[in-house]
Amino acid sequence: MRLLKIISKKGLYSRSKIADELRISISMLNGLLDQLIRMKYIVKVNMADKCSGNCKSCSSCSCCSSNSGIEFWKITDKGKNTLEENRNLSI
């Protein structure tokens, strides 16, 4: 659930920064991301398809180059609902 919360907050991260934050290996993180994708909680956003190249028009453009190591993830409605249900359970 922590990974889903991290992605819901911002959506763009390098895998190494997420792994460091969660204190897990990148290979374990890859498995968790794959699981969230299979469960349809997140989707990977391909910025190359969406980017116009006009970096002044997008707050994320400065970090979306293919060399940056930054990946964009979008939490789905199903993922949002799951987070909301878990938040309600912890009250």
N, C-alpha and C. Protein backbone atom coordinates (compact mmCIF):
# COMPACT_ATOMS: atom_id res chain seq x y z
N MET A 1 0.81 -1.20 0.00
CA MET A 1 0.00 0.00 0.00
C MET A 1 0.86 1.27 0.00
N ARG A 2 2.05 1.18 0.61
CA ARG A 2 2.91 2.37 0.65
C ARG A 2 3.31 2.83 -0.73
N LEU A 3 3.62 1.88 -1.62
CA LEU A 3 4.00 2.25 -2.98
C LEU A 3 2.85 2.95 -3.68
N LEU A 4 1.65 2.47 -3.51
CA LEU A 4 0.48 3.09 -4.11
C LEU A 4 0.29 4.51 -3.58
N LYS A 5 0.53 4.71 -2.29
CA LYS A 5 0.44 6.05 -1.70
C LYS A 5 1.48 6.98 -2.29
N ILE A 6 2.70 6.47 -2.46
CA ILE A 6 3.77 7.29 -3.04
C ILE A 6 3.39 7.73 -4.44
N ILE A 7 2.92 6.81 -5.25
CA ILE A 7 2.54 7.14 -6.63
C ILE A 7 1.37 8.10 -6.66
N SER A 8 0.44 7.95 -5.73
CA SER A 8 -0.75 8.83 -5.73
C SER A 8 -0.38 10.27 -5.39
N LYS A 9 0.70 10.45 -4.64
CA LYS A 9 1.09 11.81 -4.24
C LYS A 9 1.64 12.63 -5.38
N LYS A 10 2.48 12.01 -6.21
CA LYS A 10 3.13 12.81 -7.24
C LYS A 10 3.07 12.17 -8.62
N GLY A 11 3.28 10.88 -8.70
CA GLY A 11 3.16 10.20 -9.98
C GLY A 11 4.44 10.06 -10.77
N LEU A 12 5.46 10.87 -10.50
CA LEU A 12 6.69 10.72 -11.25
C LEU A 12 7.86 10.56 -10.31
N TYR A 13 8.62 9.55 -10.58
CA TYR A 13 9.74 9.20 -9.71
C TYR A 13 10.75 8.40 -10.50
N SER A 14 11.96 8.34 -10.00
CA SER A 14 12.91 7.37 -10.52
C SER A 14 12.72 6.11 -9.69
N ARG A 15 12.92 4.98 -10.33
CA ARG A 15 12.77 3.72 -9.59
C ARG A 15 13.75 3.67 -8.42
N SER A 16 14.95 4.19 -8.61
CA SER A 16 15.93 4.12 -7.52
C SER A 16 15.50 4.95 -6.32
N LYS A 17 14.86 6.11 -6.55
CA LYS A 17 14.39 6.92 -5.43
C LYS A 17 13.25 6.24 -4.69
N ILE A 18 12.35 5.61 -5.42
CA ILE A 18 11.25 4.88 -4.76
C ILE A 18 11.83 3.72 -3.95
N ALA A 19 12.74 2.96 -4.56
CA ALA A 19 13.34 1.82 -3.85
C ALA A 19 14.05 2.29 -2.59
N ASP A 20 14.77 3.40 -2.68
CA ASP A 20 15.44 3.95 -1.50
C ASP A 20 14.42 4.34 -0.43
N GLU A 21 13.35 5.00 -0.85
CA GLU A 21 12.33 5.44 0.12
C GLU A 21 11.67 4.25 0.81
N LEU A 22 11.44 3.18 0.05
CA LEU A 22 10.81 1.99 0.62
C LEU A 22 11.82 1.04 1.26
N ARG A 23 13.11 1.33 1.04
CA ARG A 23 14.19 0.48 1.56
C ARG A 23 14.10 -0.94 1.03
N ILE A 24 13.91 -1.03 -0.29
CA ILE A 24 13.86 -2.33 -0.97
C ILE A 24 14.75 -2.26 -2.20
N SER A 25 15.04 -3.42 -2.77
CA SER A 25 15.85 -3.47 -3.99
C SER A 25 15.02 -3.03 -5.19
N ILE A 26 15.70 -2.62 -6.24
CA ILE A 26 15.00 -2.22 -7.46
C ILE A 26 14.28 -3.42 -8.06
N SER A 27 14.86 -4.61 -7.97
CA SER A 27 14.17 -5.79 -8.52
C SER A 27 12.89 -6.08 -7.75
N MET A 28 12.90 -5.88 -6.44
CA MET A 28 11.67 -6.06 -5.67
C MET A 28 10.64 -4.99 -6.05
N LEU A 29 11.13 -3.77 -6.22
CA LEU A 29 10.24 -2.69 -6.65
C LEU A 29 9.61 -3.00 -8.00
N ASN A 30 10.41 -3.51 -8.93
CA ASN A 30 9.88 -3.86 -10.24
C ASN A 30 8.74 -4.87 -10.12
N GLY A 31 8.91 -5.84 -9.23
CA GLY A 31 7.85 -6.82 -8.99
C GLY A 31 6.60 -6.18 -8.42
N LEU A 32 6.77 -5.25 -7.49
CA LEU A 32 5.62 -4.56 -6.90
C LEU A 32 4.89 -3.70 -7.95
N LEU A 33 5.66 -2.99 -8.77
CA LEU A 33 5.04 -2.18 -9.83
C LEU A 33 4.28 -3.06 -10.81
N ASP A 34 4.88 -4.19 -11.20
CA ASP A 34 4.20 -5.12 -12.09
C ASP A 34 2.90 -5.62 -11.48
N GLN A 35 2.93 -5.89 -10.17
CA GLN A 35 1.74 -6.38 -9.48
C GLN A 35 0.65 -5.30 -9.47
N LEU A 36 1.02 -4.05 -9.19
CA LEU A 36 0.03 -2.97 -9.20
C LEU A 36 -0.55 -2.75 -10.59
N ILE A 37 0.27 -2.94 -11.61
CA ILE A 37 -0.23 -2.83 -12.99
C ILE A 37 -1.21 -3.96 -13.28
N ARG A 38 -0.84 -5.19 -12.92
CA ARG A 38 -1.74 -6.35 -13.14
C ARG A 38 -3.07 -6.17 -12.40
N MET A 39 -3.00 -5.59 -11.21
CA MET A 39 -4.22 -5.38 -10.41
C MET A 39 -5.02 -4.18 -10.91
N LYS A 40 -4.45 -3.47 -11.90
CA LYS A 40 -5.07 -2.29 -12.49
C LYS A 40 -5.21 -1.13 -11.50
N TYR A 41 -4.22 -1.02 -10.59
CA TYR A 41 -4.18 0.09 -9.65
C TYR A 41 -3.39 1.27 -10.20
N ILE A 42 -2.44 0.99 -11.10
CA ILE A 42 -1.64 2.05 -11.73
C ILE A 42 -1.47 1.74 -13.21
N VAL A 43 -1.14 2.78 -13.96
CA VAL A 43 -0.76 2.63 -15.36
C VAL A 43 0.48 3.50 -15.58
N LYS A 44 1.36 3.03 -16.43
CA LYS A 44 2.53 3.81 -16.78
C LYS A 44 2.13 4.78 -17.89
N VAL A 45 2.53 6.02 -17.75
CA VAL A 45 2.19 7.05 -18.73
C VAL A 45 3.41 7.26 -19.63
N ASN A 46 3.22 7.14 -20.92
CA ASN A 46 4.29 7.36 -21.87
C ASN A 46 4.30 8.84 -22.24
N MET A 47 5.21 9.58 -21.64
CA MET A 47 5.26 11.02 -21.87
C MET A 47 5.70 11.37 -23.28
N ALA A 48 6.42 10.49 -23.94
CA ALA A 48 6.86 10.78 -25.31
C ALA A 48 5.66 11.00 -26.23
N ASP A 49 4.57 10.30 -25.95
CA ASP A 49 3.36 10.46 -26.75
C ASP A 49 2.62 11.76 -26.43
N LYS A 50 2.82 12.29 -25.23
CA LYS A 50 2.06 13.44 -24.79
C LYS A 50 2.84 14.75 -24.83
N CYS A 51 4.17 14.65 -24.86
CA CYS A 51 5.00 15.84 -24.75
C CYS A 51 5.09 16.57 -26.08
N SER A 52 4.84 17.85 -26.03
CA SER A 52 4.92 18.68 -27.23
C SER A 52 6.33 19.21 -27.44
N GLY A 53 7.18 19.04 -26.45
CA GLY A 53 8.53 19.56 -26.55
C GLY A 53 8.65 21.01 -26.10
N ASN A 54 7.55 21.63 -25.78
CA ASN A 54 7.54 23.01 -25.31
C ASN A 54 7.60 22.99 -23.79
N CYS A 55 8.80 22.95 -23.26
CA CYS A 55 8.99 22.75 -21.81
C CYS A 55 8.38 23.84 -20.95
N LYS A 56 8.08 24.97 -21.50
CA LYS A 56 7.45 26.02 -20.70
C LYS A 56 5.98 25.72 -20.43
N SER A 57 5.40 24.81 -21.23
CA SER A 57 3.97 24.54 -21.07
C SER A 57 3.68 23.40 -20.10
N CYS A 58 4.71 22.72 -19.63
CA CYS A 58 4.49 21.53 -18.80
C CYS A 58 5.43 21.56 -17.60
N SER A 59 4.89 21.45 -16.43
CA SER A 59 5.72 21.48 -15.22
C SER A 59 6.63 20.27 -15.12
N SER A 60 6.31 19.21 -15.84
CA SER A 60 7.11 17.99 -15.76
C SER A 60 8.12 17.86 -16.87
N CYS A 61 8.05 18.72 -17.87
CA CYS A 61 8.92 18.57 -19.04
C CYS A 61 10.40 18.57 -18.69
N SER A 62 10.79 19.29 -17.68
CA SER A 62 12.21 19.36 -17.35
C SER A 62 12.77 18.01 -16.92
N CYS A 63 11.89 17.07 -16.56
CA CYS A 63 12.40 15.78 -16.11
C CYS A 63 11.87 14.62 -16.93
N CYS A 64 11.29 14.88 -18.09
CA CYS A 64 10.71 13.77 -18.84
C CYS A 64 11.60 13.29 -19.98
N SER A 65 12.81 13.80 -20.09
CA SER A 65 13.68 13.31 -21.15
C SER A 65 14.02 11.85 -20.90
N SER A 66 14.31 11.14 -21.94
CA SER A 66 14.57 9.70 -21.81
C SER A 66 15.82 9.42 -20.99
N ASN A 67 16.70 10.39 -20.82
CA ASN A 67 17.92 10.17 -20.06
C ASN A 67 17.77 10.45 -18.57
N SER A 68 16.63 10.93 -18.14
CA SER A 68 16.48 11.36 -16.75
C SER A 68 16.25 10.22 -15.77
N GLY A 69 15.76 9.08 -16.23
CA GLY A 69 15.45 7.98 -15.34
C GLY A 69 14.13 8.16 -14.62
N ILE A 70 13.42 9.23 -14.92
CA ILE A 70 12.13 9.50 -14.29
C ILE A 70 11.04 8.78 -15.07
N GLU A 71 10.14 8.16 -14.34
CA GLU A 71 9.00 7.50 -14.96
C GLU A 71 7.72 8.09 -14.40
N PHE A 72 6.72 8.12 -15.22
CA PHE A 72 5.43 8.67 -14.82
C PHE A 72 4.44 7.53 -14.62
N TRP A 73 3.77 7.55 -13.50
CA TRP A 73 2.76 6.55 -13.18
C TRP A 73 1.48 7.27 -12.82
N LYS A 74 0.39 6.73 -13.25
CA LYS A 74 -0.91 7.32 -12.92
C LYS A 74 -1.71 6.30 -12.14
N ILE A 75 -2.23 6.74 -11.03
CA ILE A 75 -3.08 5.86 -10.23
C ILE A 75 -4.47 5.84 -10.88
N THR A 76 -5.02 4.65 -11.00
CA THR A 76 -6.33 4.50 -11.64
C THR A 76 -7.44 4.74 -10.62
N ASP A 77 -8.66 4.80 -11.10
CA ASP A 77 -9.81 4.94 -10.19
C ASP A 77 -9.86 3.76 -9.22
N LYS A 78 -9.55 2.58 -9.72
CA LYS A 78 -9.53 1.39 -8.84
C LYS A 78 -8.48 1.55 -7.75
N GLY A 79 -7.31 2.07 -8.11
CA GLY A 79 -6.27 2.32 -7.13
C GLY A 79 -6.68 3.36 -6.11
N LYS A 80 -7.33 4.44 -6.59
CA LYS A 80 -7.81 5.49 -5.68
C LYS A 80 -8.83 4.93 -4.71
N ASN A 81 -9.74 4.11 -5.22
CA ASN A 81 -10.77 3.52 -4.35
C ASN A 81 -10.13 2.62 -3.29
N THR A 82 -9.13 1.87 -3.68
CA THR A 82 -8.44 0.99 -2.73
C THR A 82 -7.75 1.79 -1.64
N LEU A 83 -7.08 2.89 -2.02
CA LEU A 83 -6.45 3.75 -1.02
C LEU A 83 -7.49 4.33 -0.07
N GLU A 84 -8.59 4.78 -0.62
CA GLU A 84 -9.65 5.37 0.20
C GLU A 84 -10.24 4.34 1.18
N GLU A 85 -10.46 3.12 0.69
CA GLU A 85 -10.98 2.07 1.56
C GLU A 85 -10.01 1.75 2.70
N ASN A 86 -8.72 1.71 2.38
CA ASN A 86 -7.71 1.42 3.41
C ASN A 86 -7.57 2.56 4.39
N ARG A 87 -7.74 3.78 3.91
CA ARG A 87 -7.68 4.93 4.83
C ARG A 87 -8.85 4.86 5.81
N ASN A 88 -10.02 4.47 5.32
CA ASN A 88 -11.19 4.38 6.18
C ASN A 88 -11.04 3.26 7.20
N LEU A 89 -10.34 2.17 6.83
CA LEU A 89 -10.15 1.05 7.76
C LEU A 89 -9.23 1.42 8.90
N SER A 90 -8.29 2.33 8.67
CA SER A 90 -7.33 2.66 9.71
C SER A 90 -7.83 3.71 10.69
N ILE A 91 -9.02 4.20 10.48
CA ILE A 91 -9.59 5.22 11.39
C ILE A 91 -10.18 4.58 12.62
